[in-house]
């Protein structure tokens, strides 16, 4: 596959669940933003705990 296609697929896997939440729920933009922030900071804190 081409590198651009791989980047698009990776972005879809990353943002896909958040886009679904945003489209399906009332107030989904805020919920998707909070979910993304939670997942981002949870990954950082897990990585720091392992180091």
PDB file of N, CA and C in Angstrom:
ATOM      1  N   UNK A   1       0.850  -1.191   0.000  1.00  0.00           N
ATOM      2  CA  UNK A   1       0.000   0.000   0.000  1.00  0.00           C
ATOM      3  C   UNK A   1       0.886   1.240   0.000  1.00  0.00           C
ATOM      4  N   UNK A   2       0.298   2.306  -0.453  1.00  0.00           N
ATOM      5  CA  UNK A   2       1.033   3.561  -0.499  1.00  0.00           C
ATOM      6  C   UNK A   2       1.096   4.171   0.898  1.00  0.00           C
ATOM      7  N   UNK A   3       2.147   4.936   1.182  1.00  0.00           N
ATOM      8  CA  UNK A   3       2.274   5.546   2.516  1.00  0.00           C
ATOM      9  C   UNK A   3       1.096   6.447   2.888  1.00  0.00           C
ATOM     10  N   UNK A   4       0.542   7.157   1.921  1.00  0.00           N
ATOM     11  CA  UNK A   4      -0.599   8.027   2.211  1.00  0.00           C
ATOM     12  C   UNK A   4      -1.812   7.203   2.630  1.00  0.00           C
ATOM     13  N   UNK A   5      -2.035   6.094   1.951  1.00  0.00           N
ATOM     14  CA  UNK A   5      -3.166   5.231   2.304  1.00  0.00           C
ATOM     15  C   UNK A   5      -3.001   4.668   3.705  1.00  0.00           C
ATOM     16  N   UNK A   6      -1.786   4.309   4.076  1.00  0.00           N
ATOM     17  CA  UNK A   6      -1.534   3.798   5.419  1.00  0.00           C
ATOM     18  C   UNK A   6      -1.800   4.865   6.484  1.00  0.00           C
ATOM     19  N   UNK A   7      -1.451   6.106   6.182  1.00  0.00           N
ATOM     20  CA  UNK A   7      -1.710   7.203   7.116  1.00  0.00           C
ATOM     21  C   UNK A   7      -3.210   7.444   7.270  1.00  0.00           C
ATOM     22  N   UNK A   8      -3.944   7.363   6.180  1.00  0.00           N
ATOM     23  CA  UNK A   8      -5.396   7.559   6.230  1.00  0.00           C
ATOM     24  C   UNK A   8      -6.057   6.444   7.040  1.00  0.00           C
ATOM     25  N   UNK A   9      -5.613   5.219   6.849  1.00  0.00           N
ATOM     26  CA  UNK A   9      -6.165   4.095   7.600  1.00  0.00           C
ATOM     27  C   UNK A   9      -5.865   4.245   9.087  1.00  0.00           C
ATOM     28  N   UNK A  10      -4.650   4.652   9.422  1.00  0.00           N
ATOM     29  CA  UNK A  10      -4.276   4.850  10.820  1.00  0.00           C
ATOM     30  C   UNK A  10      -5.115   5.963  11.456  1.00  0.00           C
ATOM     31  N   UNK A  11      -5.346   7.034  10.720  1.00  0.00           N
ATOM     32  CA  UNK A  11      -6.164   8.131  11.239  1.00  0.00           C
ATOM     33  C   UNK A  11      -7.612   7.676  11.442  1.00  0.00           C
ATOM     34  N   UNK A  12      -8.112   6.865  10.530  1.00  0.00           N
ATOM     35  CA  UNK A  12      -9.478   6.340  10.671  1.00  0.00           C
ATOM     36  C   UNK A  12      -9.628   5.465  11.898  1.00  0.00           C
ATOM     37  N   UNK A  13      -8.621   4.648  12.184  1.00  0.00           N
ATOM     38  CA  UNK A  13      -8.676   3.810  13.376  1.00  0.00           C
ATOM     39  C   UNK A  13      -8.591   4.640  14.647  1.00  0.00           C
ATOM     40  N   UNK A  14      -7.847   5.727  14.597  1.00  0.00           N
ATOM     41  CA  UNK A  14      -7.681   6.577  15.770  1.00  0.00           C
ATOM     42  C   UNK A  14      -8.933   7.402  16.044  1.00  0.00           C
ATOM     43  N   UNK A  15      -9.481   8.020  15.016  1.00  0.00           N
ATOM     44  CA  UNK A  15     -10.582   8.958  15.200  1.00  0.00           C
ATOM     45  C   UNK A  15     -11.950   8.370  14.919  1.00  0.00           C
ATOM     46  N   UNK A  16     -12.024   7.170  14.398  1.00  0.00           N
ATOM     47  CA  UNK A  16     -13.292   6.556  14.037  1.00  0.00           C
ATOM     48  C   UNK A  16     -14.311   6.489  15.167  1.00  0.00           C
ATOM     49  N   UNK A  17     -13.935   5.959  16.331  1.00  0.00           N
ATOM     50  CA  UNK A  17     -14.902   5.903  17.428  1.00  0.00           C
ATOM     51  C   UNK A  17     -15.374   7.284  17.874  1.00  0.00           C
ATOM     52  N   UNK A  18     -14.470   8.255  17.881  1.00  0.00           N
ATOM     53  CA  UNK A  18     -14.867   9.606  18.292  1.00  0.00           C
ATOM     54  C   UNK A  18     -15.826  10.231  17.291  1.00  0.00           C
ATOM     55  N   UNK A  19     -15.627   9.983  16.019  1.00  0.00           N
ATOM     56  CA  UNK A  19     -16.532  10.512  14.999  1.00  0.00           C
ATOM     57  C   UNK A  19     -17.911   9.872  15.149  1.00  0.00           C
ATOM     58  N   UNK A  20     -17.951   8.584  15.434  1.00  0.00           N
ATOM     59  CA  UNK A  20     -19.233   7.908  15.628  1.00  0.00           C
ATOM     60  C   UNK A  20     -19.975   8.487  16.831  1.00  0.00           C
ATOM     61  N   UNK A  21     -19.271   8.731  17.923  1.00  0.00           N
ATOM     62  CA  UNK A  21     -19.892   9.326  19.113  1.00  0.00           C
ATOM     63  C   UNK A  21     -20.423  10.704  18.773  1.00  0.00           C
ATOM     64  N   UNK A  22     -19.626  11.477  18.051  1.00  0.00           N
ATOM     65  CA  UNK A  22     -20.037  12.840  17.712  1.00  0.00           C
ATOM     66  C   UNK A  22     -21.290  12.867  16.859  1.00  0.00           C
ATOM     67  N   UNK A  23     -21.406  11.931  15.940  1.00  0.00           N
ATOM     68  CA  UNK A  23     -22.546  11.940  15.033  1.00  0.00           C
ATOM     69  C   UNK A  23     -23.808  11.359  15.659  1.00  0.00           C
ATOM     70  N   UNK A  24     -23.664  10.395  16.566  1.00  0.00           N
ATOM     71  CA  UNK A  24     -24.821   9.672  17.066  1.00  0.00           C
ATOM     72  C   UNK A  24     -25.438  10.237  18.337  1.00  0.00           C
ATOM     73  N   UNK A  25     -24.662  10.924  19.155  1.00  0.00           N
ATOM     74  CA  UNK A  25     -25.179  11.387  20.442  1.00  0.00           C
ATOM     75  C   UNK A  25     -25.450  12.880  20.439  1.00  0.00           C
ATOM     76  N   UNK A  26     -26.498  13.302  21.150  1.00  0.00           N
ATOM     77  CA  UNK A  26     -26.690  14.745  21.326  1.00  0.00           C
ATOM     78  C   UNK A  26     -25.574  15.276  22.222  1.00  0.00           C
ATOM     79  N   UNK A  27     -25.002  16.393  21.845  1.00  0.00           N
ATOM     80  CA  UNK A  27     -23.850  16.910  22.574  1.00  0.00           C
ATOM     81  C   UNK A  27     -22.611  16.077  22.318  1.00  0.00           C
ATOM     82  N   UNK A  28     -22.598  15.373  21.212  1.00  0.00           N
ATOM     83  CA  UNK A  28     -21.530  14.437  20.908  1.00  0.00           C
ATOM     84  C   UNK A  28     -20.176  15.087  20.737  1.00  0.00           C
ATOM     85  N   UNK A  29     -20.141  16.339  20.306  1.00  0.00           N
ATOM     86  CA  UNK A  29     -18.852  17.010  20.135  1.00  0.00           C
ATOM     87  C   UNK A  29     -18.126  17.124  21.465  1.00  0.00           C
ATOM     88  N   UNK A  30     -18.848  17.522  22.482  1.00  0.00           N
ATOM     89  CA  UNK A  30     -18.232  17.641  23.809  1.00  0.00           C
ATOM     90  C   UNK A  30     -17.837  16.280  24.368  1.00  0.00           C
ATOM     91  N   UNK A  31     -18.694  15.297  24.184  1.00  0.00           N
ATOM     92  CA  UNK A  31     -18.402  13.951  24.680  1.00  0.00           C
ATOM     93  C   UNK A  31     -17.187  13.383  23.950  1.00  0.00           C
ATOM     94  N   UNK A  32     -17.122  13.560  22.637  1.00  0.00           N
ATOM     95  CA  UNK A  32     -15.986  13.063  21.863  1.00  0.00           C
ATOM     96  C   UNK A  32     -14.696  13.763  22.278  1.00  0.00           C
ATOM     97  N   UNK A  33     -14.761  15.058  22.526  1.00  0.00           N
ATOM     98  CA  UNK A  33     -13.584  15.801  22.975  1.00  0.00           C
ATOM     99  C   UNK A  33     -13.106  15.294  24.334  1.00  0.00           C
ATOM    100  N   UNK A  34     -14.027  15.114  25.256  1.00  0.00           N
ATOM    101  CA  UNK A  34     -13.654  14.613  26.578  1.00  0.00           C
ATOM    102  C   UNK A  34     -13.102  13.195  26.507  1.00  0.00           C
ATOM    103  N   UNK A  35     -13.682  12.368  25.665  1.00  0.00           N
ATOM    104  CA  UNK A  35     -13.189  11.003  25.484  1.00  0.00           C
ATOM    105  C   UNK A  35     -11.781  11.009  24.908  1.00  0.00           C
ATOM    106  N   UNK A  36     -11.531  11.852  23.930  1.00  0.00           N
ATOM    107  CA  UNK A  36     -10.199  11.953  23.342  1.00  0.00           C
ATOM    108  C   UNK A  36      -9.180  12.443  24.370  1.00  0.00           C
ATOM    109  N   UNK A  37      -9.536  13.453  25.148  1.00  0.00           N
ATOM    110  CA  UNK A  37      -8.625  13.952  26.183  1.00  0.00           C
ATOM    111  C   UNK A  37      -8.324  12.881  27.218  1.00  0.00           C
ATOM    112  N   UNK A  38      -9.351  12.155  27.645  1.00  0.00           N
ATOM    113  CA  UNK A  38      -9.156  11.086  28.624  1.00  0.00           C
ATOM    114  C   UNK A  38      -8.211  10.015  28.092  1.00  0.00           C
ATOM    115  N   UNK A  39      -8.436   9.582  26.868  1.00  0.00           N
ATOM    116  CA  UNK A  39      -7.585   8.537  26.279  1.00  0.00           C
ATOM    117  C   UNK A  39      -6.161   9.026  26.085  1.00  0.00           C
ATOM    118  N   UNK A  40      -5.988  10.265  25.685  1.00  0.00           N
ATOM    119  CA  UNK A  40      -4.657  10.816  25.463  1.00  0.00           C
ATOM    120  C   UNK A  40      -3.879  10.887  26.764  1.00  0.00           C
ATOM    121  N   UNK A  41      -4.504  11.400  27.821  1.00  0.00           N
ATOM    122  CA  UNK A  41      -3.794  11.526  29.087  1.00  0.00           C
ATOM    123  C   UNK A  41      -3.637  10.194  29.793  1.00  0.00           C
ATOM    124  N   UNK A  42      -4.541   9.262  29.574  1.00  0.00           N
ATOM    125  CA  UNK A  42      -4.399   7.930  30.157  1.00  0.00           C
ATOM    126  C   UNK A  42      -3.187   7.228  29.551  1.00  0.00           C
ATOM    127  N   UNK A  43      -2.968   7.375  28.252  1.00  0.00           N
ATOM    128  CA  UNK A  43      -1.800   6.773  27.602  1.00  0.00           C
ATOM    129  C   UNK A  43      -0.513   7.378  28.127  1.00  0.00           C
ATOM    130  N   UNK A  44      -0.500   8.701  28.301  1.00  0.00           N
ATOM    131  CA  UNK A  44       0.713   9.366  28.785  1.00  0.00           C
ATOM    132  C   UNK A  44       1.033   8.932  30.207  1.00  0.00           C
ATOM    133  N   UNK A  45       0.030   8.864  31.064  1.00  0.00           N
ATOM    134  CA  UNK A  45       0.293   8.504  32.449  1.00  0.00           C
ATOM    135  C   UNK A  45       0.720   7.032  32.546  1.00  0.00           C
ATOM    136  N   UNK A  46       0.165   6.155  31.701  1.00  0.00           N
ATOM    137  CA  UNK A  46       0.584   4.750  31.694  1.00  0.00           C
ATOM    138  C   UNK A  46       2.032   4.628  31.219  1.00  0.00           C
ATOM    139  N   UNK A  47       2.398   5.411  30.225  1.00  0.00           N
ATOM    140  CA  UNK A  47       3.769   5.358  29.706  1.00  0.00           C
ATOM    141  C   UNK A  47       4.752   5.873  30.751  1.00  0.00           C
ATOM    142  N   UNK A  48       4.368   6.894  31.496  1.00  0.00           N
ATOM    143  CA  UNK A  48       5.253   7.432  32.527  1.00  0.00           C
ATOM    144  C   UNK A  48       5.370   6.467  33.697  1.00  0.00           C
ATOM    145  N   UNK A  49       4.316   5.750  34.020  1.00  0.00           N
ATOM    146  CA  UNK A  49       4.358   4.810  35.132  1.00  0.00           C
ATOM    147  C   UNK A  49       5.279   3.628  34.804  1.00  0.00           C
ATOM    148  N   UNK A  50       5.314   3.241  33.535  1.00  0.00           N
ATOM    149  CA  UNK A  50       6.159   2.115  33.126  1.00  0.00           C
ATOM    150  C   UNK A  50       7.627   2.478  33.084  1.00  0.00           C
ATOM    151  N   UNK A  51       7.929   3.762  32.834  1.00  0.00           N
ATOM    152  CA  UNK A  51       9.335   4.188  32.691  1.00  0.00           C
ATOM    153  C   UNK A  51      10.057   4.270  34.012  1.00  0.00           C
TER     154      UNK A  51
END
